[in-house]
Amino acid sequence: MPERPTLDPGQPRVDSPNHPEIVQDPSADEQIAAAVRSRLEHHEMIDASRVQVQVVNGEVILIGTADNRFVRHRAEELASEVEGVRGLLNKISVQPHDEEPGPILTTQAPGSHKGGSTQRS
């Protein structure tokens, strides 16, 4: 088994099995993450509050949900266009916003409280 490099206790470390290496430039990663977030926030079809952006050594990871496949793909495109991005992993799942619950429907006349059923549509 290869030896791991000795770490300075103050040096950031990634705890993901996909990225066991030491973070080389945390400030560059944060700049990339901020640029990706900004691009997502300024796109009219993307709800950026539903997407988390993580960057490790220039590799962007998008995690969250999108309303449809187009929005998922567009978020990936926008992130990949940011300067400094060396790779991208899109973990955005497609899940439309929950619709507002409809009115409560009853099978009884108003004012009648004897054993009817209620349904949500």
PDB file of N, CA and C in Angstrom:
ATOM      1  N   MET A   1       0.853  -1.178   0.000  1.00  0.00           N
ATOM      2  CA  MET A   1       0.000   0.000   0.000  1.00  0.00           C
ATOM      3  C   MET A   1       0.895   1.236   0.000  1.00  0.00           C
ATOM      4  N   PRO A   2       0.640   2.204  -0.914  1.00  0.00           N
ATOM      5  CA  PRO A   2       1.495   3.383  -0.960  1.00  0.00           C
ATOM      6  C   PRO A   2       1.326   4.238   0.287  1.00  0.00           C
ATOM      7  N   GLU A   3       2.428   4.854   0.679  1.00  0.00           N
ATOM      8  CA  GLU A   3       2.387   5.719   1.858  1.00  0.00           C
ATOM      9  C   GLU A   3       1.734   7.035   1.514  1.00  0.00           C
ATOM     10  N   ARG A   4       0.978   7.542   2.466  1.00  0.00           N
ATOM     11  CA  ARG A   4       0.371   8.858   2.284  1.00  0.00           C
ATOM     12  C   ARG A   4       1.392   9.907   2.689  1.00  0.00           C
ATOM     13  N   PRO A   5       1.364  11.070   2.020  1.00  0.00           N
ATOM     14  CA  PRO A   5       2.300  12.123   2.404  1.00  0.00           C
ATOM     15  C   PRO A   5       1.989  12.646   3.800  1.00  0.00           C
ATOM     16  N   THR A   6       3.008  13.117   4.469  1.00  0.00           N
ATOM     17  CA  THR A   6       2.831  13.711   5.785  1.00  0.00           C
ATOM     18  C   THR A   6       2.100  15.031   5.614  1.00  0.00           C
ATOM     19  N   LEU A   7       1.058  15.235   6.421  1.00  0.00           N
ATOM     20  CA  LEU A   7       0.239  16.434   6.299  1.00  0.00           C
ATOM     21  C   LEU A   7       0.551  17.430   7.398  1.00  0.00           C
ATOM     22  N   ASP A   8       0.569  18.674   7.029  1.00  0.00           N
ATOM     23  CA  ASP A   8       0.640  19.760   7.991  1.00  0.00           C
ATOM     24  C   ASP A   8      -0.743  19.827   8.632  1.00  0.00           C
ATOM     25  N   PRO A   9      -0.863  19.847   9.970  1.00  0.00           N
ATOM     26  CA  PRO A   9      -2.184  19.834  10.607  1.00  0.00           C
ATOM     27  C   PRO A   9      -3.077  20.994  10.164  1.00  0.00           C
ATOM     28  N   GLY A  10      -2.503  22.097   9.725  1.00  0.00           N
ATOM     29  CA  GLY A  10      -3.301  23.230   9.297  1.00  0.00           C
ATOM     30  C   GLY A  10      -3.692  23.175   7.838  1.00  0.00           C
ATOM     31  N   GLN A  11      -3.226  22.167   7.120  1.00  0.00           N
ATOM     32  CA  GLN A  11      -3.481  22.074   5.691  1.00  0.00           C
ATOM     33  C   GLN A  11      -4.825  21.389   5.433  1.00  0.00           C
ATOM     34  N   PRO A  12      -5.675  21.994   4.561  1.00  0.00           N
ATOM     35  CA  PRO A  12      -6.963  21.353   4.291  1.00  0.00           C
ATOM     36  C   PRO A  12      -6.786  19.995   3.634  1.00  0.00           C
ATOM     37  N   ARG A  13      -7.731  19.117   3.898  1.00  0.00           N
ATOM     38  CA  ARG A  13      -7.678  17.786   3.334  1.00  0.00           C
ATOM     39  C   ARG A  13      -9.063  17.395   2.860  1.00  0.00           C
ATOM     40  N   VAL A  14      -9.127  16.716   1.768  1.00  0.00           N
ATOM     41  CA  VAL A  14     -10.397  16.251   1.235  1.00  0.00           C
ATOM     42  C   VAL A  14     -10.656  14.860   1.790  1.00  0.00           C
ATOM     43  N   ASP A  15     -11.864  14.644   2.307  1.00  0.00           N
ATOM     44  CA  ASP A  15     -12.189  13.359   2.916  1.00  0.00           C
ATOM     45  C   ASP A  15     -12.977  12.447   1.996  1.00  0.00           C
ATOM     46  N   SER A  16     -13.034  12.757   0.734  1.00  0.00           N
ATOM     47  CA  SER A  16     -13.785  11.942  -0.209  1.00  0.00           C
ATOM     48  C   SER A  16     -12.904  10.828  -0.765  1.00  0.00           C
ATOM     49  N   PRO A  17     -13.431   9.614  -0.911  1.00  0.00           N
ATOM     50  CA  PRO A  17     -12.627   8.538  -1.490  1.00  0.00           C
ATOM     51  C   PRO A  17     -12.264   8.817  -2.951  1.00  0.00           C
ATOM     52  N   ASN A  18     -13.039   9.662  -3.628  1.00  0.00           N
ATOM     53  CA  ASN A  18     -12.737   9.997  -5.017  1.00  0.00           C
ATOM     54  C   ASN A  18     -11.593  11.000  -5.130  1.00  0.00           C
ATOM     55  N   HIS A  19     -11.348  11.735  -4.080  1.00  0.00           N
ATOM     56  CA  HIS A  19     -10.323  12.781  -4.089  1.00  0.00           C
ATOM     57  C   HIS A  19      -9.480  12.697  -2.813  1.00  0.00           C
ATOM     58  N   PRO A  20      -8.653  11.684  -2.655  1.00  0.00           N
ATOM     59  CA  PRO A  20      -7.901  11.538  -1.418  1.00  0.00           C
ATOM     60  C   PRO A  20      -6.682  12.470  -1.330  1.00  0.00           C
ATOM     61  N   GLU A  21      -6.443  13.265  -2.369  1.00  0.00           N
ATOM     62  CA  GLU A  21      -5.251  14.088  -2.382  1.00  0.00           C
ATOM     63  C   GLU A  21      -5.418  15.358  -1.546  1.00  0.00           C
ATOM     64  N   ILE A  22      -4.333  16.027  -1.343  1.00  0.00           N
ATOM     65  CA  ILE A  22      -4.302  17.276  -0.603  1.00  0.00           C
ATOM     66  C   ILE A  22      -4.803  18.389  -1.509  1.00  0.00           C
ATOM     67  N   VAL A  23      -5.595  19.291  -0.951  1.00  0.00           N
ATOM     68  CA  VAL A  23      -6.066  20.437  -1.724  1.00  0.00           C
ATOM     69  C   VAL A  23      -4.870  21.335  -1.994  1.00  0.00           C
ATOM     70  N   GLN A  24      -4.617  21.586  -3.276  1.00  0.00           N
ATOM     71  CA  GLN A  24      -3.433  22.340  -3.674  1.00  0.00           C
ATOM     72  C   GLN A  24      -3.585  23.844  -3.468  1.00  0.00           C
ATOM     73  N   ASP A  25      -4.720  24.417  -3.864  1.00  0.00           N
ATOM     74  CA  ASP A  25      -4.916  25.863  -3.800  1.00  0.00           C
ATOM     75  C   ASP A  25      -6.365  26.169  -3.421  1.00  0.00           C
ATOM     76  N   PRO A  26      -6.648  26.223  -2.128  1.00  0.00           N
ATOM     77  CA  PRO A  26      -8.034  26.432  -1.695  1.00  0.00           C
ATOM     78  C   PRO A  26      -8.621  27.750  -2.197  1.00  0.00           C
ATOM     79  N   SER A  27      -7.810  28.796  -2.305  1.00  0.00           N
ATOM     80  CA  SER A  27      -8.359  30.083  -2.763  1.00  0.00           C
ATOM     81  C   SER A  27      -8.753  30.008  -4.239  1.00  0.00           C
ATOM     82  N   ALA A  28      -7.996  29.296  -5.057  1.00  0.00           N
ATOM     83  CA  ALA A  28      -8.364  29.128  -6.465  1.00  0.00           C
ATOM     84  C   ALA A  28      -9.650  28.312  -6.573  1.00  0.00           C
ATOM     85  N   ASP A  29      -9.769  27.265  -5.750  1.00  0.00           N
ATOM     86  CA  ASP A  29     -10.986  26.457  -5.758  1.00  0.00           C
ATOM     87  C   ASP A  29     -12.196  27.305  -5.368  1.00  0.00           C
ATOM     88  N   GLU A  30     -12.052  28.164  -4.370  1.00  0.00           N
ATOM     89  CA  GLU A  30     -13.171  29.015  -3.945  1.00  0.00           C
ATOM     90  C   GLU A  30     -13.530  30.022  -5.027  1.00  0.00           C
ATOM     91  N   GLN A  31     -12.552  30.534  -5.742  1.00  0.00           N
ATOM     92  CA  GLN A  31     -12.835  31.456  -6.850  1.00  0.00           C
ATOM     93  C   GLN A  31     -13.621  30.748  -7.951  1.00  0.00           C
ATOM     94  N   ILE A  32     -13.231  29.531  -8.261  1.00  0.00           N
ATOM     95  CA  ILE A  32     -13.950  28.753  -9.271  1.00  0.00           C
ATOM     96  C   ILE A  32     -15.379  28.490  -8.798  1.00  0.00           C
ATOM     97  N   ALA A  33     -15.520  28.077  -7.538  1.00  0.00           N
ATOM     98  CA  ALA A  33     -16.855  27.787  -6.997  1.00  0.00           C
ATOM     99  C   ALA A  33     -17.733  29.041  -7.041  1.00  0.00           C
ATOM    100  N   ALA A  34     -17.181  30.193  -6.689  1.00  0.00           N
ATOM    101  CA  ALA A  34     -17.947  31.443  -6.717  1.00  0.00           C
ATOM    102  C   ALA A  34     -18.364  31.787  -8.143  1.00  0.00           C
ATOM    103  N   ALA A  35     -17.476  31.573  -9.102  1.00  0.00           N
ATOM    104  CA  ALA A  35     -17.801  31.861 -10.507  1.00  0.00           C
ATOM    105  C   ALA A  35     -18.895  30.927 -11.005  1.00  0.00           C
ATOM    106  N   VAL A  36     -18.825  29.652 -10.639  1.00  0.00           N
ATOM    107  CA  VAL A  36     -19.855  28.693 -11.052  1.00  0.00           C
ATOM    108  C   VAL A  36     -21.192  29.082 -10.419  1.00  0.00           C
ATOM    109  N   ARG A  37     -21.192  29.381  -9.104  1.00  0.00           N
ATOM    110  CA  ARG A  37     -22.437  29.776  -8.428  1.00  0.00           C
ATOM    111  C   ARG A  37     -23.052  31.006  -9.089  1.00  0.00           C
ATOM    112  N   SER A  38     -22.214  31.970  -9.423  1.00  0.00           N
ATOM    113  CA  SER A  38     -22.685  33.202 -10.052  1.00  0.00           C
ATOM    114  C   SER A  38     -23.353  32.904 -11.394  1.00  0.00           C
ATOM    115  N   ARG A  39     -22.731  32.058 -12.179  1.00  0.00           N
ATOM    116  CA  ARG A  39     -23.308  31.708 -13.489  1.00  0.00           C
ATOM    117  C   ARG A  39     -24.647  30.996 -13.321  1.00  0.00           C
ATOM    118  N   LEU A  40     -24.741  30.112 -12.335  1.00  0.00           N
ATOM    119  CA  LEU A  40     -25.993  29.404 -12.098  1.00  0.00           C
ATOM    120  C   LEU A  40     -27.078  30.369 -11.616  1.00  0.00           C
ATOM    121  N   GLU A  41     -26.712  31.293 -10.733  1.00  0.00           N
ATOM    122  CA  GLU A  41     -27.678  32.251 -10.189  1.00  0.00           C
ATOM    123  C   GLU A  41     -28.212  33.201 -11.255  1.00  0.00           C
ATOM    124  N   HIS A  42     -27.414  33.503 -12.267  1.00  0.00           N
ATOM    125  CA  HIS A  42     -27.829  34.460 -13.290  1.00  0.00           C
ATOM    126  C   HIS A  42     -28.548  33.817 -14.479  1.00  0.00           C
ATOM    127  N   HIS A  43     -28.692  32.517 -14.471  1.00  0.00           N
ATOM    128  CA  HIS A  43     -29.426  31.851 -15.547  1.00  0.00           C
ATOM    129  C   HIS A  43     -30.898  31.803 -15.148  1.00  0.00           C
ATOM    130  N   GLU A  44     -31.763  32.287 -16.044  1.00  0.00           N
ATOM    131  CA  GLU A  44     -33.182  32.432 -15.716  1.00  0.00           C
ATOM    132  C   GLU A  44     -33.913  31.112 -15.478  1.00  0.00           C
ATOM    133  N   MET A  45     -33.421  29.993 -15.986  1.00  0.00           N
ATOM    134  CA  MET A  45     -34.123  28.725 -15.814  1.00  0.00           C
ATOM    135  C   MET A  45     -33.597  27.874 -14.660  1.00  0.00           C
ATOM    136  N   ILE A  46     -32.492  28.270 -14.075  1.00  0.00           N
ATOM    137  CA  ILE A  46     -31.866  27.444 -13.034  1.00  0.00           C
ATOM    138  C   ILE A  46     -32.172  28.014 -11.658  1.00  0.00           C
ATOM    139  N   ASP A  47     -32.661  27.172 -10.773  1.00  0.00           N
ATOM    140  CA  ASP A  47     -32.863  27.547  -9.376  1.00  0.00           C
ATOM    141  C   ASP A  47     -31.581  27.171  -8.636  1.00  0.00           C
ATOM    142  N   ALA A  48     -30.676  28.145  -8.528  1.00  0.00           N
ATOM    143  CA  ALA A  48     -29.354  27.885  -7.945  1.00  0.00           C
ATOM    144  C   ALA A  48     -29.437  27.474  -6.482  1.00  0.00           C
ATOM    145  N   SER A  49     -30.541  27.776  -5.812  1.00  0.00           N
ATOM    146  CA  SER A  49     -30.677  27.373  -4.405  1.00  0.00           C
ATOM    147  C   SER A  49     -30.811  25.855  -4.268  1.00  0.00           C
ATOM    148  N   ARG A  50     -31.085  25.161  -5.369  1.00  0.00           N
ATOM    149  CA  ARG A  50     -31.234  23.704  -5.344  1.00  0.00           C
ATOM    150  C   ARG A  50     -29.956  22.978  -5.747  1.00  0.00           C
ATOM    151  N   VAL A  51     -28.871  23.739  -6.002  1.00  0.00           N
ATOM    152  CA  VAL A  51     -27.619  23.131  -6.465  1.00  0.00           C
ATOM    153  C   VAL A  51     -26.455  23.571  -5.578  1.00  0.00           C
ATOM    154  N   GLN A  52     -25.715  22.613  -5.068  1.00  0.00           N
ATOM    155  CA  GLN A  52     -24.488  22.891  -4.311  1.00  0.00           C
ATOM    156  C   GLN A  52     -23.309  22.747  -5.259  1.00  0.00           C
ATOM    157  N   VAL A  53     -22.319  23.608  -5.063  1.00  0.00           N
ATOM    158  CA  VAL A  53     -21.115  23.569  -5.887  1.00  0.00           C
ATOM    159  C   VAL A  53     -19.924  23.300  -4.983  1.00  0.00           C
ATOM    160  N   GLN A  54     -19.192  22.248  -5.279  1.00  0.00           N
ATOM    161  CA  GLN A  54     -17.954  21.936  -4.554  1.00  0.00           C
ATOM    162  C   GLN A  54     -16.826  21.900  -5.574  1.00  0.00           C
ATOM    163  N   VAL A  55     -15.662  22.408  -5.178  1.00  0.00           N
ATOM    164  CA  VAL A  55     -14.505  22.396  -6.071  1.00  0.00           C
ATOM    165  C   VAL A  55     -13.301  21.894  -5.298  1.00  0.00           C
ATOM    166  N   VAL A  56     -12.608  20.917  -5.875  1.00  0.00           N
ATOM    167  CA  VAL A  56     -11.399  20.362  -5.279  1.00  0.00           C
ATOM    168  C   VAL A  56     -10.341  20.296  -6.374  1.00  0.00           C
ATOM    169  N   ASN A  57      -9.297  21.081  -6.205  1.00  0.00           N
ATOM    170  CA  ASN A  57      -8.200  21.115  -7.176  1.00  0.00           C
ATOM    171  C   ASN A  57      -8.699  21.334  -8.607  1.00  0.00           C
ATOM    172  N   GLY A  58      -9.653  22.248  -8.746  1.00  0.00           N
ATOM    173  CA  GLY A  58     -10.167  22.588 -10.066  1.00  0.00           C
ATOM    174  C   GLY A  58     -11.236  21.657 -10.596  1.00  0.00           C
ATOM    175  N   GLU A  59     -11.568  20.610  -9.863  1.00  0.00           N
ATOM    176  CA  GLU A  59     -12.615  19.681 -10.283  1.00  0.00           C
ATOM    177  C   GLU A  59     -13.917  20.063  -9.603  1.00  0.00           C
ATOM    178  N   VAL A  60     -14.921  20.360 -10.403  1.00  0.00           N
ATOM    179  CA  VAL A  60     -16.209  20.831  -9.911  1.00  0.00           C
ATOM    180  C   VAL A  60     -17.155  19.651  -9.716  1.00  0.00           C
ATOM    181  N   ILE A  61     -17.874  19.671  -8.588  1.00  0.00           N
ATOM    182  CA  ILE A  61     -18.904  18.679  -8.315  1.00  0.00           C
ATOM    183  C   ILE A  61     -20.206  19.443  -8.106  1.00  0.00           C
ATOM    184  N   LEU A  62     -21.202  19.161  -8.926  1.00  0.00           N
ATOM    185  CA  LEU A  62     -22.525  19.760  -8.799  1.00  0.00           C
ATOM    186  C   LEU A  62     -23.434  18.733  -8.141  1.00  0.00           C
ATOM    187  N   ILE A  63     -24.093  19.133  -7.041  1.00  0.00           N
ATOM    188  CA  ILE A  63     -24.953  18.228  -6.290  1.00  0.00           C
ATOM    189  C   ILE A  63     -26.284  18.938  -6.046  1.00  0.00           C
ATOM    190  N   GLY A  64     -27.379  18.262  -6.321  1.00  0.00           N
ATOM    191  CA  GLY A  64     -28.676  18.873  -6.050  1.00  0.00           C
ATOM    192  C   GLY A  64     -29.751  18.327  -6.953  1.00  0.00           C
ATOM    193  N   THR A  65     -30.755  19.170  -7.213  1.00  0.00           N
ATOM    194  CA  THR A  65     -31.870  18.762  -8.046  1.00  0.00           C
ATOM    195  C   THR A  65     -32.184  19.846  -9.068  1.00  0.00           C
ATOM    196  N   ALA A  66     -32.756  19.414 -10.192  1.00  0.00           N
ATOM    197  CA  ALA A  66     -33.182  20.320 -11.254  1.00  0.00           C
ATOM    198  C   ALA A  66     -34.588  19.924 -11.684  1.00  0.00           C
ATOM    199  N   ASP A  67     -35.306  20.873 -12.261  1.00  0.00           N
ATOM    200  CA  ASP A  67     -36.677  20.613 -12.688  1.00  0.00           C
ATOM    201  C   ASP A  67     -36.778  19.653 -13.864  1.00  0.00           C
ATOM    202  N   ASN A  68     -35.744  19.653 -14.734  1.00  0.00           N
ATOM    203  CA  ASN A  68     -35.784  18.785 -15.904  1.00  0.00           C
ATOM    204  C   ASN A  68     -34.360  18.532 -16.407  1.00  0.00           C
ATOM    205  N   ARG A  69     -34.244  17.677 -17.423  1.00  0.00           N
ATOM    206  CA  ARG A  69     -32.923  17.309 -17.944  1.00  0.00           C
ATOM    207  C   ARG A  69     -32.218  18.480 -18.608  1.00  0.00           C
ATOM    208  N   PHE A  70     -32.978  19.360 -19.248  1.00  0.00           N
ATOM    209  CA  PHE A  70     -32.364  20.525 -19.875  1.00  0.00           C
ATOM    210  C   PHE A  70     -31.646  21.377 -18.829  1.00  0.00           C
ATOM    211  N   VAL A  71     -32.307  21.644 -17.718  1.00  0.00           N
ATOM    212  CA  VAL A  71     -31.715  22.471 -16.660  1.00  0.00           C
ATOM    213  C   VAL A  71     -30.480  21.772 -16.088  1.00  0.00           C
ATOM    214  N   ARG A  72     -30.555  20.462 -15.888  1.00  0.00           N
ATOM    215  CA  ARG A  72     -29.401  19.693 -15.394  1.00  0.00           C
ATOM    216  C   ARG A  72     -28.219  19.846 -16.347  1.00  0.00           C
ATOM    217  N   HIS A  73     -28.483  19.664 -17.633  1.00  0.00           N
ATOM    218  CA  HIS A  73     -27.423  19.755 -18.636  1.00  0.00           C
ATOM    219  C   HIS A  73     -26.883  21.185 -18.746  1.00  0.00           C
ATOM    220  N   ARG A  74     -27.774  22.161 -18.678  1.00  0.00           N
ATOM    221  CA  ARG A  74     -27.344  23.565 -18.795  1.00  0.00           C
ATOM    222  C   ARG A  74     -26.452  23.949 -17.620  1.00  0.00           C
ATOM    223  N   ALA A  75     -26.760  23.486 -16.414  1.00  0.00           N
ATOM    224  CA  ALA A  75     -25.918  23.763 -15.249  1.00  0.00           C
ATOM    225  C   ALA A  75     -24.513  23.203 -15.468  1.00  0.00           C
ATOM    226  N   GLU A  76     -24.436  22.007 -16.036  1.00  0.00           N
ATOM    227  CA  GLU A  76     -23.142  21.389 -16.339  1.00  0.00           C
ATOM    228  C   GLU A  76     -22.377  22.221 -17.370  1.00  0.00           C
ATOM    229  N   GLU A  77     -23.058  22.651 -18.417  1.00  0.00           N
ATOM    230  CA  GLU A  77     -22.397  23.470 -19.440  1.00  0.00           C
ATOM    231  C   GLU A  77     -21.852  24.770 -18.855  1.00  0.00           C
ATOM    232  N   LEU A  78     -22.681  25.444 -18.059  1.00  0.00           N
ATOM    233  CA  LEU A  78     -22.254  26.714 -17.471  1.00  0.00           C
ATOM    234  C   LEU A  78     -21.026  26.524 -16.583  1.00  0.00           C
ATOM    235  N   ALA A  79     -21.034  25.464 -15.786  1.00  0.00           N
ATOM    236  CA  ALA A  79     -19.899  25.207 -14.892  1.00  0.00           C
ATOM    237  C   ALA A  79     -18.638  24.884 -15.683  1.00  0.00           C
ATOM    238  N   SER A  80     -18.780  24.116 -16.745  1.00  0.00           N
ATOM    239  CA  SER A  80     -17.600  23.707 -17.516  1.00  0.00           C
ATOM    240  C   SER A  80     -16.959  24.869 -18.262  1.00  0.00           C
ATOM    241  N   GLU A  81     -17.702  25.944 -18.488  1.00  0.00           N
ATOM    242  CA  GLU A  81     -17.187  27.108 -19.196  1.00  0.00           C
ATOM    243  C   GLU A  81     -16.366  28.050 -18.305  1.00  0.00           C
ATOM    244  N   VAL A  82     -16.374  27.827 -16.998  1.00  0.00           N
ATOM    245  CA  VAL A  82     -15.642  28.698 -16.074  1.00  0.00           C
ATOM    246  C   VAL A  82     -14.142  28.435 -16.191  1.00  0.00           C
ATOM    247  N   GLU A  83     -13.391  29.505 -16.246  1.00  0.00           N
ATOM    248  CA  GLU A  83     -11.934  29.381 -16.362  1.00  0.00           C
ATOM    249  C   GLU A  83     -11.357  28.688 -15.126  1.00  0.00           C
ATOM    250  N   GLY A  84     -10.466  27.743 -15.354  1.00  0.00           N
ATOM    251  CA  GLY A  84      -9.813  27.025 -14.265  1.00  0.00           C
ATOM    252  C   GLY A  84     -10.423  25.668 -13.961  1.00  0.00           C
ATOM    253  N   VAL A  85     -11.603  25.374 -14.533  1.00  0.00           N
ATOM    254  CA  VAL A  85     -12.253  24.079 -14.292  1.00  0.00           C
ATOM    255  C   VAL A  85     -11.478  23.000 -15.034  1.00  0.00           C
ATOM    256  N   ARG A  86     -11.009  21.995 -14.283  1.00  0.00           N
ATOM    257  CA  ARG A  86     -10.220  20.909 -14.869  1.00  0.00           C
ATOM    258  C   ARG A  86     -11.037  19.641 -15.088  1.00  0.00           C
ATOM    259  N   GLY A  87     -12.176  19.561 -14.442  1.00  0.00           N
ATOM    260  CA  GLY A  87     -13.045  18.394 -14.583  1.00  0.00           C
ATOM    261  C   GLY A  87     -14.379  18.712 -13.945  1.00  0.00           C
ATOM    262  N   LEU A  88     -15.380  17.891 -14.246  1.00  0.00           N
ATOM    263  CA  LEU A  88     -16.704  18.158 -13.712  1.00  0.00           C
ATOM    264  C   LEU A  88     -17.450  16.857 -13.472  1.00  0.00           C
ATOM    265  N   LEU A  89     -18.097  16.758 -12.323  1.00  0.00           N
ATOM    266  CA  LEU A  89     -18.937  15.622 -11.983  1.00  0.00           C
ATOM    267  C   LEU A  89     -20.329  16.166 -11.692  1.00  0.00           C
ATOM    268  N   ASN A  90     -21.303  15.766 -12.500  1.00  0.00           N
ATOM    269  CA  ASN A  90     -22.665  16.270 -12.355  1.00  0.00           C
ATOM    270  C   ASN A  90     -23.496  15.250 -11.586  1.00  0.00           C
ATOM    271  N   LYS A  91     -23.801  15.568 -10.332  1.00  0.00           N
ATOM    272  CA  LYS A  91     -24.637  14.703  -9.495  1.00  0.00           C
ATOM    273  C   LYS A  91     -26.003  15.343  -9.261  1.00  0.00           C
ATOM    274  N   ILE A  92     -26.444  16.145 -10.227  1.00  0.00           N
ATOM    275  CA  ILE A  92     -27.761  16.773 -10.135  1.00  0.00           C
ATOM    276  C   ILE A  92     -28.796  15.760 -10.607  1.00  0.00           C
ATOM    277  N   SER A  93     -29.812  15.530  -9.789  1.00  0.00           N
ATOM    278  CA  SER A  93     -30.892  14.629 -10.186  1.00  0.00           C
ATOM    279  C   SER A  93     -32.078  15.467 -10.666  1.00  0.00           C
ATOM    280  N   VAL A  94     -32.878  14.885 -11.529  1.00  0.00           N
ATOM    281  CA  VAL A  94     -34.051  15.575 -12.054  1.00  0.00           C
ATOM    282  C   VAL A  94     -35.222  15.293 -11.133  1.00  0.00           C
ATOM    283  N   GLN A  95     -35.765  16.371 -10.561  1.00  0.00           N
ATOM    284  CA  GLN A  95     -36.894  16.263  -9.648  1.00  0.00           C
ATOM    285  C   GLN A  95     -37.644  17.587  -9.677  1.00  0.00           C
ATOM    286  N   PRO A  96     -38.787  17.642 -10.370  1.00  0.00           N
ATOM    287  CA  PRO A  96     -39.550  18.893 -10.437  1.00  0.00           C
ATOM    288  C   PRO A  96     -39.983  19.357  -9.057  1.00  0.00           C
ATOM    289  N   HIS A  97     -40.138  20.684  -8.927  1.00  0.00           N
ATOM    290  CA  HIS A  97     -40.668  21.231  -7.674  1.00  0.00           C
ATOM    291  C   HIS A  97     -42.012  20.585  -7.387  1.00  0.00           C
ATOM    292  N   ASP A  98     -42.298  20.350  -6.117  1.00  0.00           N
ATOM    293  CA  ASP A  98     -43.616  19.815  -5.757  1.00  0.00           C
ATOM    294  C   ASP A  98     -44.668  20.854  -6.093  1.00  0.00           C
ATOM    295  N   GLU A  99     -45.747  20.384  -6.655  1.00  0.00           N
ATOM    296  CA  GLU A  99     -46.831  21.297  -6.965  1.00  0.00           C
ATOM    297  C   GLU A  99     -47.563  21.678  -5.686  1.00  0.00           C
ATOM    298  N   GLU A 100     -48.164  22.850  -5.711  1.00  0.00           N
ATOM    299  CA  GLU A 100     -48.967  23.301  -4.576  1.00  0.00           C
ATOM    300  C   GLU A 100     -50.130  22.330  -4.397  1.00  0.00           C
ATOM    301  N   PRO A 101     -50.489  21.991  -3.156  1.00  0.00           N
ATOM    302  CA  PRO A 101     -51.640  21.110  -2.977  1.00  0.00           C
ATOM    303  C   PRO A 101     -52.913  21.816  -3.456  1.00  0.00           C
ATOM    304  N   GLY A 102     -53.796  21.052  -4.056  1.00  0.00           N
ATOM    305  CA  GLY A 102     -55.046  21.614  -4.555  1.00  0.00           C
ATOM    306  C   GLY A 102     -56.047  21.813  -3.435  1.00  0.00           C
ATOM    307  N   PRO A 103     -57.217  22.288  -3.786  1.00  0.00           N
ATOM    308  CA  PRO A 103     -58.252  22.501  -2.768  1.00  0.00           C
ATOM    309  C   PRO A 103     -58.750  21.164  -2.227  1.00  0.00           C
ATOM    310  N   ILE A 104     -59.263  21.189  -1.020  1.00  0.00           N
ATOM    311  CA  ILE A 104     -59.843  19.990  -0.423  1.00  0.00           C
ATOM    312  C   ILE A 104     -61.248  19.831  -0.985  1.00  0.00           C
ATOM    313  N   LEU A 105     -61.511  18.679  -1.550  1.00  0.00           N
ATOM    314  CA  LEU A 105     -62.824  18.406  -2.118  1.00  0.00           C
ATOM    315  C   LEU A 105     -63.593  17.498  -1.180  1.00  0.00           C
ATOM    316  N   THR A 106     -64.873  17.758  -1.053  1.00  0.00           N
ATOM    317  CA  THR A 106     -65.703  16.931  -0.192  1.00  0.00           C
ATOM    318  C   THR A 106     -66.897  16.422  -0.984  1.00  0.00           C
ATOM    319  N   THR A 107     -67.464  15.316  -0.551  1.00  0.00           N
ATOM    320  CA  THR A 107     -68.633  14.753  -1.225  1.00  0.00           C
ATOM    321  C   THR A 107     -69.920  15.160  -0.519  1.00  0.00           C
ATOM    322  N   GLN A 108     -69.814  16.029   0.484  1.00  0.00           N
ATOM    323  CA  GLN A 108     -70.989  16.441   1.245  1.00  0.00           C
ATOM    324  C   GLN A 108     -71.325  17.893   0.963  1.00  0.00           C
ATOM    325  N   ALA A 109     -72.554  18.213   1.235  1.00  0.00           N
ATOM    326  CA  ALA A 109     -72.988  19.601   1.105  1.00  0.00           C
ATOM    327  C   ALA A 109     -72.351  20.416   2.220  1.00  0.00           C
ATOM    328  N   PRO A 110     -72.118  21.706   2.002  1.00  0.00           N
ATOM    329  CA  PRO A 110     -71.546  22.547   3.049  1.00  0.00           C
ATOM    330  C   PRO A 110     -72.399  22.497   4.307  1.00  0.00           C
ATOM    331  N   GLY A 111     -71.743  22.445   5.445  1.00  0.00           N
ATOM    332  CA  GLY A 111     -72.428  22.429   6.730  1.00  0.00           C
ATOM    333  C   GLY A 111     -72.770  21.034   7.209  1.00  0.00           C
ATOM    334  N   SER A 112     -72.651  20.031   6.376  1.00  0.00           N
ATOM    335  CA  SER A 112     -72.944  18.661   6.767  1.00  0.00           C
ATOM    336  C   SER A 112     -71.665  18.012   7.253  1.00  0.00           C
ATOM    337  N   HIS A 113     -71.661  17.471   8.463  1.00  0.00           N
ATOM    338  CA  HIS A 113     -70.441  16.904   9.038  1.00  0.00           C
ATOM    339  C   HIS A 113     -70.549  15.411   9.298  1.00  0.00           C
ATOM    340  N   LYS A 114     -71.515  14.732   8.743  1.00  0.00           N
ATOM    341  CA  LYS A 114     -71.683  13.315   9.014  1.00  0.00           C
ATOM    342  C   LYS A 114     -70.931  12.484   8.008  1.00  0.00           C
ATOM    343  N   GLY A 115     -69.960  11.750   8.461  1.00  0.00           N
ATOM    344  CA  GLY A 115     -69.217  10.754   7.749  1.00  0.00           C
ATOM    345  C   GLY A 115     -68.908  10.962   6.286  1.00  0.00           C
ATOM    346  N   GLY A 116     -68.542  11.991   5.717  1.00  0.00           N
ATOM    347  CA  GLY A 116     -68.152  12.058   4.320  1.00  0.00           C
ATOM    348  C   GLY A 116     -66.669  11.794   4.154  1.00  0.00           C
ATOM    349  N   SER A 117     -66.218  11.830   2.956  1.00  0.00           N
ATOM    350  CA  SER A 117     -64.788  11.648   2.721  1.00  0.00           C
ATOM    351  C   SER A 117     -64.216  12.936   2.155  1.00  0.00           C
ATOM    352  N   THR A 118     -62.964  13.125   2.383  1.00  0.00           N
ATOM    353  CA  THR A 118     -62.281  14.280   1.793  1.00  0.00           C
ATOM    354  C   THR A 118     -61.143  13.772   0.945  1.00  0.00           C
ATOM    355  N   GLN A 119     -60.854  14.484  -0.103  1.00  0.00           N
ATOM    356  CA  GLN A 119     -59.770  14.116  -0.990  1.00  0.00           C
ATOM    357  C   GLN A 119     -58.997  15.364  -1.327  1.00  0.00           C
ATOM    358  N   ARG A 120     -57.708  15.159  -1.598  1.00  0.00           N
ATOM    359  CA  ARG A 120     -56.887  16.229  -2.152  1.00  0.00           C
ATOM    360  C   ARG A 120     -56.675  15.907  -3.612  1.00  0.00           C
ATOM    361  N   SER A 121     -56.771  16.918  -4.428  1.00  0.00           N
ATOM    362  CA  SER A 121     -56.498  16.658  -5.838  1.00  0.00           C
ATOM    363  C   SER A 121     -55.175  17.231  -6.226  1.00  0.00           C
TER     364      SER A 121
END
